[in-house]
Amino acid sequence: MLEVKQMRRSKMEMYIDILKVLAQNGPLKLTHVMYKANVNCSVLKENLDFLIKQNLIEEQITVKKRNKTKTSYAITDKGRTVIRYFNEINVALHITNEKSIPALIY
């Protein structure tokens, strides 16, 4: 039987996947982003740091009961713009068959 191997995603593809997850779901905790974007924890932390430095996502820290904090990540307007441009390029070049996420999310 013929086995089909999946190619590894590029950094750009991982960044876009993370941005799309946050655009679709709103602010999420680290573990939720990890599962929805299918990225392991250590790689995700590096990617989130990069996206924060580029002002594509923001870290939101809320104080809960007994001074415990909750950290979540949310997409910024600049991040939404990047996804919009990425989708436009894909459509113009007919690169993917991926279903486009409704423009209202971005």
PDB file of N, CA and C in Angstrom:
ATOM      1  N   MET A   1       0.844  -1.176   0.000  1.00  0.00           N
ATOM      2  CA  MET A   1       0.000   0.000   0.000  1.00  0.00           C
ATOM      3  C   MET A   1       0.892   1.243   0.000  1.00  0.00           C
ATOM      4  N   LEU A   2       0.515   2.229  -0.760  1.00  0.00           N
ATOM      5  CA  LEU A   2       1.289   3.455  -0.887  1.00  0.00           C
ATOM      6  C   LEU A   2       1.067   4.350   0.325  1.00  0.00           C
ATOM      7  N   GLU A   3       2.136   4.766   0.946  1.00  0.00           N
ATOM      8  CA  GLU A   3       2.041   5.635   2.116  1.00  0.00           C
ATOM      9  C   GLU A   3       2.313   7.073   1.698  1.00  0.00           C
ATOM     10  N   VAL A   4       1.422   7.962   2.098  1.00  0.00           N
ATOM     11  CA  VAL A   4       1.580   9.373   1.766  1.00  0.00           C
ATOM     12  C   VAL A   4       2.109  10.092   2.998  1.00  0.00           C
ATOM     13  N   LYS A   5       3.262  10.730   2.857  1.00  0.00           N
ATOM     14  CA  LYS A   5       3.838  11.473   3.973  1.00  0.00           C
ATOM     15  C   LYS A   5       3.443  12.933   3.860  1.00  0.00           C
ATOM     16  N   GLN A   6       3.099  13.503   4.983  1.00  0.00           N
ATOM     17  CA  GLN A   6       2.759  14.915   5.025  1.00  0.00           C
ATOM     18  C   GLN A   6       4.041  15.726   5.129  1.00  0.00           C
ATOM     19  N   MET A   7       4.089  16.815   4.383  1.00  0.00           N
ATOM     20  CA  MET A   7       5.246  17.698   4.471  1.00  0.00           C
ATOM     21  C   MET A   7       5.125  18.540   5.735  1.00  0.00           C
ATOM     22  N   ARG A   8       6.256  18.895   6.298  1.00  0.00           N
ATOM     23  CA  ARG A   8       6.250  19.776   7.456  1.00  0.00           C
ATOM     24  C   ARG A   8       5.785  21.155   7.037  1.00  0.00           C
ATOM     25  N   ARG A   9       5.135  21.826   7.963  1.00  0.00           N
ATOM     26  CA  ARG A   9       4.700  23.195   7.683  1.00  0.00           C
ATOM     27  C   ARG A   9       5.876  24.141   7.831  1.00  0.00           C
ATOM     28  N   SER A  10       5.872  25.167   7.025  1.00  0.00           N
ATOM     29  CA  SER A  10       6.886  26.214   7.161  1.00  0.00           C
ATOM     30  C   SER A  10       6.516  27.082   8.361  1.00  0.00           C
ATOM     31  N   LYS A  11       7.455  27.910   8.792  1.00  0.00           N
ATOM     32  CA  LYS A  11       7.171  28.844   9.881  1.00  0.00           C
ATOM     33  C   LYS A  11       6.007  29.751   9.513  1.00  0.00           C
ATOM     34  N   MET A  12       6.008  30.218   8.262  1.00  0.00           N
ATOM     35  CA  MET A  12       4.935  31.098   7.808  1.00  0.00           C
ATOM     36  C   MET A  12       3.575  30.414   7.929  1.00  0.00           C
ATOM     37  N   GLU A  13       3.504  29.149   7.525  1.00  0.00           N
ATOM     38  CA  GLU A  13       2.244  28.411   7.621  1.00  0.00           C
ATOM     39  C   GLU A  13       1.799  28.256   9.072  1.00  0.00           C
ATOM     40  N   MET A  14       2.753  28.009   9.965  1.00  0.00           N
ATOM     41  CA  MET A  14       2.407  27.902  11.382  1.00  0.00           C
ATOM     42  C   MET A  14       1.912  29.238  11.920  1.00  0.00           C
ATOM     43  N   TYR A  15       2.587  30.329  11.558  1.00  0.00           N
ATOM     44  CA  TYR A  15       2.149  31.657  11.996  1.00  0.00           C
ATOM     45  C   TYR A  15       0.723  31.929  11.525  1.00  0.00           C
ATOM     46  N   ILE A  16       0.450  31.639  10.263  1.00  0.00           N
ATOM     47  CA  ILE A  16      -0.883  31.881   9.705  1.00  0.00           C
ATOM     48  C   ILE A  16      -1.920  30.998  10.391  1.00  0.00           C
ATOM     49  N   ASP A  17      -1.579  29.737  10.648  1.00  0.00           N
ATOM     50  CA  ASP A  17      -2.508  28.836  11.340  1.00  0.00           C
ATOM     51  C   ASP A  17      -2.847  29.366  12.729  1.00  0.00           C
ATOM     52  N   ILE A  18      -1.858  29.851  13.450  1.00  0.00           N
ATOM     53  CA  ILE A  18      -2.085  30.408  14.789  1.00  0.00           C
ATOM     54  C   ILE A  18      -2.973  31.644  14.695  1.00  0.00           C
ATOM     55  N   LEU A  19      -2.675  32.523  13.755  1.00  0.00           N
ATOM     56  CA  LEU A  19      -3.494  33.726  13.578  1.00  0.00           C
ATOM     57  C   LEU A  19      -4.938  33.360  13.235  1.00  0.00           C
ATOM     58  N   LYS A  20      -5.126  32.378  12.367  1.00  0.00           N
ATOM     59  CA  LYS A  20      -6.479  31.961  11.985  1.00  0.00           C
ATOM     60  C   LYS A  20      -7.239  31.383  13.176  1.00  0.00           C
ATOM     61  N   VAL A  21      -6.558  30.577  13.986  1.00  0.00           N
ATOM     62  CA  VAL A  21      -7.191  30.003  15.175  1.00  0.00           C
ATOM     63  C   VAL A  21      -7.679  31.113  16.099  1.00  0.00           C
ATOM     64  N   LEU A  22      -6.842  32.115  16.320  1.00  0.00           N
ATOM     65  CA  LEU A  22      -7.228  33.215  17.204  1.00  0.00           C
ATOM     66  C   LEU A  22      -8.320  34.076  16.582  1.00  0.00           C
ATOM     67  N   ALA A  23      -8.299  34.245  15.266  1.00  0.00           N
ATOM     68  CA  ALA A  23      -9.337  35.028  14.589  1.00  0.00           C
ATOM     69  C   ALA A  23     -10.688  34.316  14.675  1.00  0.00           C
ATOM     70  N   GLN A  24     -10.681  33.009  14.575  1.00  0.00           N
ATOM     71  CA  GLN A  24     -11.923  32.237  14.589  1.00  0.00           C
ATOM     72  C   GLN A  24     -12.494  32.048  15.986  1.00  0.00           C
ATOM     73  N   ASN A  25     -11.620  31.942  16.989  1.00  0.00           N
ATOM     74  CA  ASN A  25     -12.061  31.550  18.326  1.00  0.00           C
ATOM     75  C   ASN A  25     -11.986  32.643  19.373  1.00  0.00           C
ATOM     76  N   GLY A  26     -11.386  33.761  19.056  1.00  0.00           N
ATOM     77  CA  GLY A  26     -11.205  34.806  20.059  1.00  0.00           C
ATOM     78  C   GLY A  26     -10.036  34.468  20.958  1.00  0.00           C
ATOM     79  N   PRO A  27      -9.868  35.215  22.048  1.00  0.00           N
ATOM     80  CA  PRO A  27      -8.733  34.974  22.951  1.00  0.00           C
ATOM     81  C   PRO A  27      -8.743  33.544  23.496  1.00  0.00           C
ATOM     82  N   LEU A  28      -7.573  32.914  23.474  1.00  0.00           N
ATOM     83  CA  LEU A  28      -7.439  31.531  23.939  1.00  0.00           C
ATOM     84  C   LEU A  28      -6.223  31.371  24.835  1.00  0.00           C
ATOM     85  N   LYS A  29      -6.317  30.388  25.735  1.00  0.00           N
ATOM     86  CA  LYS A  29      -5.162  30.025  26.549  1.00  0.00           C
ATOM     87  C   LYS A  29      -4.167  29.253  25.682  1.00  0.00           C
ATOM     88  N   LEU A  30      -2.947  29.183  26.156  1.00  0.00           N
ATOM     89  CA  LEU A  30      -1.859  28.519  25.438  1.00  0.00           C
ATOM     90  C   LEU A  30      -2.236  27.108  24.985  1.00  0.00           C
ATOM     91  N   THR A  31      -2.766  26.304  25.891  1.00  0.00           N
ATOM     92  CA  THR A  31      -3.073  24.913  25.536  1.00  0.00           C
ATOM     93  C   THR A  31      -4.151  24.826  24.461  1.00  0.00           C
ATOM     94  N   HIS A  32      -5.107  25.732  24.489  1.00  0.00           N
ATOM     95  CA  HIS A  32      -6.165  25.704  23.477  1.00  0.00           C
ATOM     96  C   HIS A  32      -5.610  26.078  22.101  1.00  0.00           C
ATOM     97  N   VAL A  33      -4.715  27.051  22.073  1.00  0.00           N
ATOM     98  CA  VAL A  33      -4.063  27.413  20.805  1.00  0.00           C
ATOM     99  C   VAL A  33      -3.240  26.227  20.310  1.00  0.00           C
ATOM    100  N   MET A  34      -2.546  25.583  21.229  1.00  0.00           N
ATOM    101  CA  MET A  34      -1.679  24.457  20.897  1.00  0.00           C
ATOM    102  C   MET A  34      -2.468  23.347  20.193  1.00  0.00           C
ATOM    103  N   TYR A  35      -3.611  22.978  20.742  1.00  0.00           N
ATOM    104  CA  TYR A  35      -4.401  21.896  20.153  1.00  0.00           C
ATOM    105  C   TYR A  35      -5.083  22.317  18.854  1.00  0.00           C
ATOM    106  N   LYS A  36      -5.640  23.512  18.825  1.00  0.00           N
ATOM    107  CA  LYS A  36      -6.380  23.954  17.638  1.00  0.00           C
ATOM    108  C   LYS A  36      -5.456  24.229  16.445  1.00  0.00           C
ATOM    109  N   ALA A  37      -4.230  24.705  16.723  1.00  0.00           N
ATOM    110  CA  ALA A  37      -3.282  24.991  15.639  1.00  0.00           C
ATOM    111  C   ALA A  37      -2.368  23.799  15.348  1.00  0.00           C
ATOM    112  N   ASN A  38      -2.460  22.759  16.188  1.00  0.00           N
ATOM    113  CA  ASN A  38      -1.649  21.550  16.022  1.00  0.00           C
ATOM    114  C   ASN A  38      -0.147  21.869  16.000  1.00  0.00           C
ATOM    115  N   VAL A  39       0.292  22.546  17.071  1.00  0.00           N
ATOM    116  CA  VAL A  39       1.701  22.920  17.224  1.00  0.00           C
ATOM    117  C   VAL A  39       2.135  22.481  18.617  1.00  0.00           C
ATOM    118  N   ASN A  40       3.328  21.878  18.739  1.00  0.00           N
ATOM    119  CA  ASN A  40       3.761  21.458  20.070  1.00  0.00           C
ATOM    120  C   ASN A  40       4.110  22.678  20.929  1.00  0.00           C
ATOM    121  N   CYS A  41       4.129  22.471  22.231  1.00  0.00           N
ATOM    122  CA  CYS A  41       4.210  23.574  23.186  1.00  0.00           C
ATOM    123  C   CYS A  41       5.455  24.443  23.028  1.00  0.00           C
ATOM    124  N   SER A  42       6.618  23.839  22.920  1.00  0.00           N
ATOM    125  CA  SER A  42       7.845  24.642  22.844  1.00  0.00           C
ATOM    126  C   SER A  42       7.899  25.463  21.556  1.00  0.00           C
ATOM    127  N   VAL A  43       7.480  24.868  20.444  1.00  0.00           N
ATOM    128  CA  VAL A  43       7.449  25.597  19.171  1.00  0.00           C
ATOM    129  C   VAL A  43       6.400  26.703  19.238  1.00  0.00           C
ATOM    130  N   LEU A  44       5.257  26.402  19.841  1.00  0.00           N
ATOM    131  CA  LEU A  44       4.191  27.398  19.959  1.00  0.00           C
ATOM    132  C   LEU A  44       4.658  28.611  20.753  1.00  0.00           C
ATOM    133  N   LYS A  45       5.364  28.387  21.850  1.00  0.00           N
ATOM    134  CA  LYS A  45       5.854  29.513  22.658  1.00  0.00           C
ATOM    135  C   LYS A  45       6.777  30.415  21.847  1.00  0.00           C
ATOM    136  N   GLU A  46       7.655  29.814  21.061  1.00  0.00           N
ATOM    137  CA  GLU A  46       8.546  30.606  20.193  1.00  0.00           C
ATOM    138  C   GLU A  46       7.732  31.397  19.171  1.00  0.00           C
ATOM    139  N   ASN A  47       6.750  30.728  18.562  1.00  0.00           N
ATOM    140  CA  ASN A  47       5.917  31.386  17.559  1.00  0.00           C
ATOM    141  C   ASN A  47       5.100  32.524  18.164  1.00  0.00           C
ATOM    142  N   LEU A  48       4.546  32.298  19.348  1.00  0.00           N
ATOM    143  CA  LEU A  48       3.773  33.349  20.011  1.00  0.00           C
ATOM    144  C   LEU A  48       4.656  34.548  20.338  1.00  0.00           C
ATOM    145  N   ASP A  49       5.871  34.292  20.819  1.00  0.00           N
ATOM    146  CA  ASP A  49       6.803  35.394  21.107  1.00  0.00           C
ATOM    147  C   ASP A  49       7.076  36.214  19.854  1.00  0.00           C
ATOM    148  N   PHE A  50       7.306  35.535  18.736  1.00  0.00           N
ATOM    149  CA  PHE A  50       7.553  36.240  17.472  1.00  0.00           C
ATOM    150  C   PHE A  50       6.332  37.064  17.071  1.00  0.00           C
ATOM    151  N   LEU A  51       5.155  36.453  17.138  1.00  0.00           N
ATOM    152  CA  LEU A  51       3.927  37.152  16.731  1.00  0.00           C
ATOM    153  C   LEU A  51       3.625  38.343  17.639  1.00  0.00           C
ATOM    154  N   ILE A  52       3.953  38.226  18.917  1.00  0.00           N
ATOM    155  CA  ILE A  52       3.770  39.349  19.849  1.00  0.00           C
ATOM    156  C   ILE A  52       4.725  40.479  19.481  1.00  0.00           C
ATOM    157  N   LYS A  53       5.987  40.149  19.224  1.00  0.00           N
ATOM    158  CA  LYS A  53       6.974  41.173  18.854  1.00  0.00           C
ATOM    159  C   LYS A  53       6.593  41.882  17.560  1.00  0.00           C
ATOM    160  N   GLN A  54       5.914  41.174  16.660  1.00  0.00           N
ATOM    161  CA  GLN A  54       5.484  41.768  15.390  1.00  0.00           C
ATOM    162  C   GLN A  54       4.142  42.501  15.534  1.00  0.00           C
ATOM    163  N   ASN A  55       3.584  42.501  16.740  1.00  0.00           N
ATOM    164  CA  ASN A  55       2.294  43.139  17.030  1.00  0.00           C
ATOM    165  C   ASN A  55       1.141  42.504  16.236  1.00  0.00           C
ATOM    166  N   LEU A  56       1.231  41.204  15.987  1.00  0.00           N
ATOM    167  CA  LEU A  56       0.169  40.486  15.288  1.00  0.00           C
ATOM    168  C   LEU A  56      -0.807  39.841  16.269  1.00  0.00           C
ATOM    169  N   ILE A  57      -0.309  39.547  17.469  1.00  0.00           N
ATOM    170  CA  ILE A  57      -1.165  39.079  18.557  1.00  0.00           C
ATOM    171  C   ILE A  57      -0.760  39.810  19.824  1.00  0.00           C
ATOM    172  N   GLU A  58      -1.628  39.725  20.825  1.00  0.00           N
ATOM    173  CA  GLU A  58      -1.300  40.334  22.113  1.00  0.00           C
ATOM    174  C   GLU A  58      -1.568  39.337  23.231  1.00  0.00           C
ATOM    175  N   GLU A  59      -0.790  39.486  24.279  1.00  0.00           N
ATOM    176  CA  GLU A  59      -0.938  38.651  25.458  1.00  0.00           C
ATOM    177  C   GLU A  59      -1.864  39.384  26.415  1.00  0.00           C
ATOM    178  N   GLN A  60      -2.905  38.703  26.885  1.00  0.00           N
ATOM    179  CA  GLN A  60      -3.846  39.305  27.815  1.00  0.00           C
ATOM    180  C   GLN A  60      -3.751  38.568  29.142  1.00  0.00           C
ATOM    181  N   ILE A  61      -3.443  39.315  30.196  1.00  0.00           N
ATOM    182  CA  ILE A  61      -3.299  38.711  31.520  1.00  0.00           C
ATOM    183  C   ILE A  61      -4.422  39.236  32.402  1.00  0.00           C
ATOM    184  N   THR A  62      -5.200  38.316  32.965  1.00  0.00           N
ATOM    185  CA  THR A  62      -6.282  38.697  33.864  1.00  0.00           C
ATOM    186  C   THR A  62      -6.030  38.078  35.232  1.00  0.00           C
ATOM    187  N   VAL A  63      -6.369  38.829  36.274  1.00  0.00           N
ATOM    188  CA  VAL A  63      -6.200  38.348  37.644  1.00  0.00           C
ATOM    189  C   VAL A  63      -7.506  37.701  38.078  1.00  0.00           C
ATOM    190  N   LYS A  64      -7.390  36.477  38.560  1.00  0.00           N
ATOM    191  CA  LYS A  64      -8.562  35.741  39.013  1.00  0.00           C
ATOM    192  C   LYS A  64      -8.546  35.693  40.536  1.00  0.00           C
ATOM    193  N   LYS A  65      -9.357  34.850  41.095  1.00  0.00           N
ATOM    194  CA  LYS A  65      -9.439  34.710  42.548  1.00  0.00           C
ATOM    195  C   LYS A  65      -8.088  34.321  43.138  1.00  0.00           C
ATOM    196  N   ARG A  66      -7.867  34.784  44.361  1.00  0.00           N
ATOM    197  CA  ARG A  66      -6.641  34.457  45.113  1.00  0.00           C
ATOM    198  C   ARG A  66      -5.377  34.849  44.358  1.00  0.00           C
ATOM    199  N   ASN A  67      -5.428  35.947  43.625  1.00  0.00           N
ATOM    200  CA  ASN A  67      -4.286  36.500  42.892  1.00  0.00           C
ATOM    201  C   ASN A  67      -3.697  35.569  41.836  1.00  0.00           C
ATOM    202  N   LYS A  68      -4.461  34.592  41.409  1.00  0.00           N
ATOM    203  CA  LYS A  68      -4.001  33.744  40.310  1.00  0.00           C
ATOM    204  C   LYS A  68      -4.226  34.499  39.010  1.00  0.00           C
ATOM    205  N   THR A  69      -3.317  34.309  38.076  1.00  0.00           N
ATOM    206  CA  THR A  69      -3.453  34.999  36.795  1.00  0.00           C
ATOM    207  C   THR A  69      -3.774  34.004  35.685  1.00  0.00           C
ATOM    208  N   LYS A  70      -4.460  34.511  34.685  1.00  0.00           N
ATOM    209  CA  LYS A  70      -4.786  33.713  33.500  1.00  0.00           C
ATOM    210  C   LYS A  70      -4.228  34.457  32.302  1.00  0.00           C
ATOM    211  N   THR A  71      -3.417  33.774  31.512  1.00  0.00           N
ATOM    212  CA  THR A  71      -2.847  34.377  30.308  1.00  0.00           C
ATOM    213  C   THR A  71      -3.556  33.811  29.088  1.00  0.00           C
ATOM    214  N   SER A  72      -4.014  34.710  28.248  1.00  0.00           N
ATOM    215  CA  SER A  72      -4.615  34.283  26.982  1.00  0.00           C
ATOM    216  C   SER A  72      -4.025  35.126  25.860  1.00  0.00           C
ATOM    217  N   TYR A  73      -4.237  34.680  24.643  1.00  0.00           N
ATOM    218  CA  TYR A  73      -3.668  35.341  23.470  1.00  0.00           C
ATOM    219  C   TYR A  73      -4.796  35.728  22.527  1.00  0.00           C
ATOM    220  N   ALA A  74      -4.692  36.941  21.979  1.00  0.00           N
ATOM    221  CA  ALA A  74      -5.721  37.457  21.076  1.00  0.00           C
ATOM    222  C   ALA A  74      -5.062  38.074  19.851  1.00  0.00           C
ATOM    223  N   ILE A  75      -5.738  37.979  18.734  1.00  0.00           N
ATOM    224  CA  ILE A  75      -5.229  38.562  17.493  1.00  0.00           C
ATOM    225  C   ILE A  75      -5.464  40.075  17.508  1.00  0.00           C
ATOM    226  N   THR A  76      -4.554  40.816  16.913  1.00  0.00           N
ATOM    227  CA  THR A  76      -4.694  42.273  16.804  1.00  0.00           C
ATOM    228  C   THR A  76      -5.250  42.623  15.420  1.00  0.00           C
ATOM    229  N   ASP A  77      -5.572  43.892  15.236  1.00  0.00           N
ATOM    230  CA  ASP A  77      -6.036  44.345  13.917  1.00  0.00           C
ATOM    231  C   ASP A  77      -4.969  44.101  12.852  1.00  0.00           C
ATOM    232  N   LYS A  78      -3.708  44.312  13.229  1.00  0.00           N
ATOM    233  CA  LYS A  78      -2.612  44.065  12.284  1.00  0.00           C
ATOM    234  C   LYS A  78      -2.561  42.582  11.899  1.00  0.00           C
ATOM    235  N   GLY A  79      -2.805  41.699  12.862  1.00  0.00           N
ATOM    236  CA  GLY A  79      -2.839  40.263  12.591  1.00  0.00           C
ATOM    237  C   GLY A  79      -3.965  39.896  11.637  1.00  0.00           C
ATOM    238  N   ARG A  80      -5.125  40.513  11.820  1.00  0.00           N
ATOM    239  CA  ARG A  80      -6.258  40.277  10.911  1.00  0.00           C
ATOM    240  C   ARG A  80      -5.913  40.741   9.496  1.00  0.00           C
ATOM    241  N   THR A  81      -5.206  41.867   9.403  1.00  0.00           N
ATOM    242  CA  THR A  81      -4.797  42.384   8.095  1.00  0.00           C
ATOM    243  C   THR A  81      -3.853  41.406   7.406  1.00  0.00           C
ATOM    244  N   VAL A  82      -2.924  40.831   8.159  1.00  0.00           N
ATOM    245  CA  VAL A  82      -1.984  39.853   7.595  1.00  0.00           C
ATOM    246  C   VAL A  82      -2.743  38.651   7.033  1.00  0.00           C
ATOM    247  N   ILE A  83      -3.731  38.145   7.768  1.00  0.00           N
ATOM    248  CA  ILE A  83      -4.515  37.009   7.275  1.00  0.00           C
ATOM    249  C   ILE A  83      -5.253  37.391   5.996  1.00  0.00           C
ATOM    250  N   ARG A  84      -5.823  38.568   5.978  1.00  0.00           N
ATOM    251  CA  ARG A  84      -6.556  39.032   4.794  1.00  0.00           C
ATOM    252  C   ARG A  84      -5.630  39.054   3.575  1.00  0.00           C
ATOM    253  N   TYR A  85      -4.432  39.636   3.742  1.00  0.00           N
ATOM    254  CA  TYR A  85      -3.470  39.681   2.635  1.00  0.00           C
ATOM    255  C   TYR A  85      -3.044  38.281   2.211  1.00  0.00           C
ATOM    256  N   PHE A  86      -2.808  37.419   3.183  1.00  0.00           N
ATOM    257  CA  PHE A  86      -2.405  36.043   2.893  1.00  0.00           C
ATOM    258  C   PHE A  86      -3.474  35.337   2.055  1.00  0.00           C
ATOM    259  N   ASN A  87      -4.737  35.503   2.440  1.00  0.00           N
ATOM    260  CA  ASN A  87      -5.835  34.888   1.682  1.00  0.00           C
ATOM    261  C   ASN A  87      -5.930  35.458   0.272  1.00  0.00           C
ATOM    262  N   GLU A  88      -5.730  36.762   0.132  1.00  0.00           N
ATOM    263  CA  GLU A  88      -5.785  37.395  -1.193  1.00  0.00           C
ATOM    264  C   GLU A  88      -4.687  36.849  -2.108  1.00  0.00           C
ATOM    265  N   ILE A  89      -3.501  36.660  -1.554  1.00  0.00           N
ATOM    266  CA  ILE A  89      -2.389  36.106  -2.339  1.00  0.00           C
ATOM    267  C   ILE A  89      -2.707  34.676  -2.762  1.00  0.00           C
ATOM    268  N   ASN A  90      -3.223  33.875  -1.828  1.00  0.00           N
ATOM    269  CA  ASN A  90      -3.581  32.489  -2.157  1.00  0.00           C
ATOM    270  C   ASN A  90      -4.622  32.426  -3.263  1.00  0.00           C
ATOM    271  N   VAL A  91      -5.617  33.288  -3.187  1.00  0.00           N
ATOM    272  CA  VAL A  91      -6.667  33.307  -4.211  1.00  0.00           C
ATOM    273  C   VAL A  91      -6.090  33.760  -5.550  1.00  0.00           C
ATOM    274  N   ALA A  92      -5.294  34.816  -5.540  1.00  0.00           N
ATOM    275  CA  ALA A  92      -4.733  35.358  -6.781  1.00  0.00           C
ATOM    276  C   ALA A  92      -3.821  34.357  -7.484  1.00  0.00           C
ATOM    277  N   LEU A  93      -3.083  33.593  -6.711  1.00  0.00           N
ATOM    278  CA  LEU A  93      -2.133  32.643  -7.292  1.00  0.00           C
ATOM    279  C   LEU A  93      -2.684  31.217  -7.366  1.00  0.00           C
ATOM    280  N   HIS A  94      -3.907  31.027  -6.901  1.00  0.00           N
ATOM    281  CA  HIS A  94      -4.533  29.700  -6.893  1.00  0.00           C
ATOM    282  C   HIS A  94      -3.635  28.688  -6.186  1.00  0.00           C
ATOM    283  N   ILE A  95      -3.106  29.086  -5.032  1.00  0.00           N
ATOM    284  CA  ILE A  95      -2.145  28.239  -4.315  1.00  0.00           C
ATOM    285  C   ILE A  95      -2.821  27.106  -3.556  1.00  0.00           C
ATOM    286  N   THR A  96      -3.916  27.387  -2.860  1.00  0.00           N
ATOM    287  CA  THR A  96      -4.515  26.354  -2.018  1.00  0.00           C
ATOM    288  C   THR A  96      -5.958  26.103  -2.396  1.00  0.00           C
ATOM    289  N   ASN A  97      -6.427  24.938  -1.988  1.00  0.00           N
ATOM    290  CA  ASN A  97      -7.840  24.594  -2.121  1.00  0.00           C
ATOM    291  C   ASN A  97      -8.560  24.826  -0.807  1.00  0.00           C
ATOM    292  N   GLU A  98      -7.832  25.360   0.155  1.00  0.00           N
ATOM    293  CA  GLU A  98      -8.357  25.574   1.490  1.00  0.00           C
ATOM    294  C   GLU A  98      -9.547  26.516   1.445  1.00  0.00           C
ATOM    295  N   LYS A  99     -10.571  26.169   2.221  1.00  0.00           N
ATOM    296  CA  LYS A  99     -11.735  27.043   2.295  1.00  0.00           C
ATOM    297  C   LYS A  99     -11.333  28.324   3.006  1.00  0.00           C
ATOM    298  N   SER A 100     -11.713  29.417   2.445  1.00  0.00           N
ATOM    299  CA  SER A 100     -11.410  30.706   3.040  1.00  0.00           C
ATOM    300  C   SER A 100     -12.342  30.949   4.218  1.00  0.00           C
ATOM    301  N   ILE A 101     -11.809  31.551   5.252  1.00  0.00           N
ATOM    302  CA  ILE A 101     -12.606  31.909   6.411  1.00  0.00           C
ATOM    303  C   ILE A 101     -13.370  33.174   6.063  1.00  0.00           C
ATOM    304  N   PRO A 102     -14.623  33.276   6.456  1.00  0.00           N
ATOM    305  CA  PRO A 102     -15.399  34.468   6.115  1.00  0.00           C
ATOM    306  C   PRO A 102     -14.673  35.757   6.468  1.00  0.00           C
ATOM    307  N   ALA A 103     -14.778  36.728   5.594  1.00  0.00           N
ATOM    308  CA  ALA A 103     -14.071  37.997   5.758  1.00  0.00           C
ATOM    309  C   ALA A 103     -14.496  38.732   7.013  1.00  0.00           C
ATOM    310  N   LEU A 104     -15.691  38.477   7.519  1.00  0.00           N
ATOM    311  CA  LEU A 104     -16.159  39.172   8.713  1.00  0.00           C
ATOM    312  C   LEU A 104     -15.286  38.890   9.927  1.00  0.00           C
ATOM    313  N   ILE A 105     -14.649  37.723   9.952  1.00  0.00           N
ATOM    314  CA  ILE A 105     -13.771  37.375  11.070  1.00  0.00           C
ATOM    315  C   ILE A 105     -12.545  38.268  11.080  1.00  0.00           C
ATOM    316  N   TYR A 106     -12.076  38.651   9.916  1.00  0.00           N
ATOM    317  CA  TYR A 106     -10.871  39.447   9.825  1.00  0.00           C
ATOM    318  C   TYR A 106     -11.229  40.893   9.866  1.00  0.00           C
TER     319      TYR A 106
END
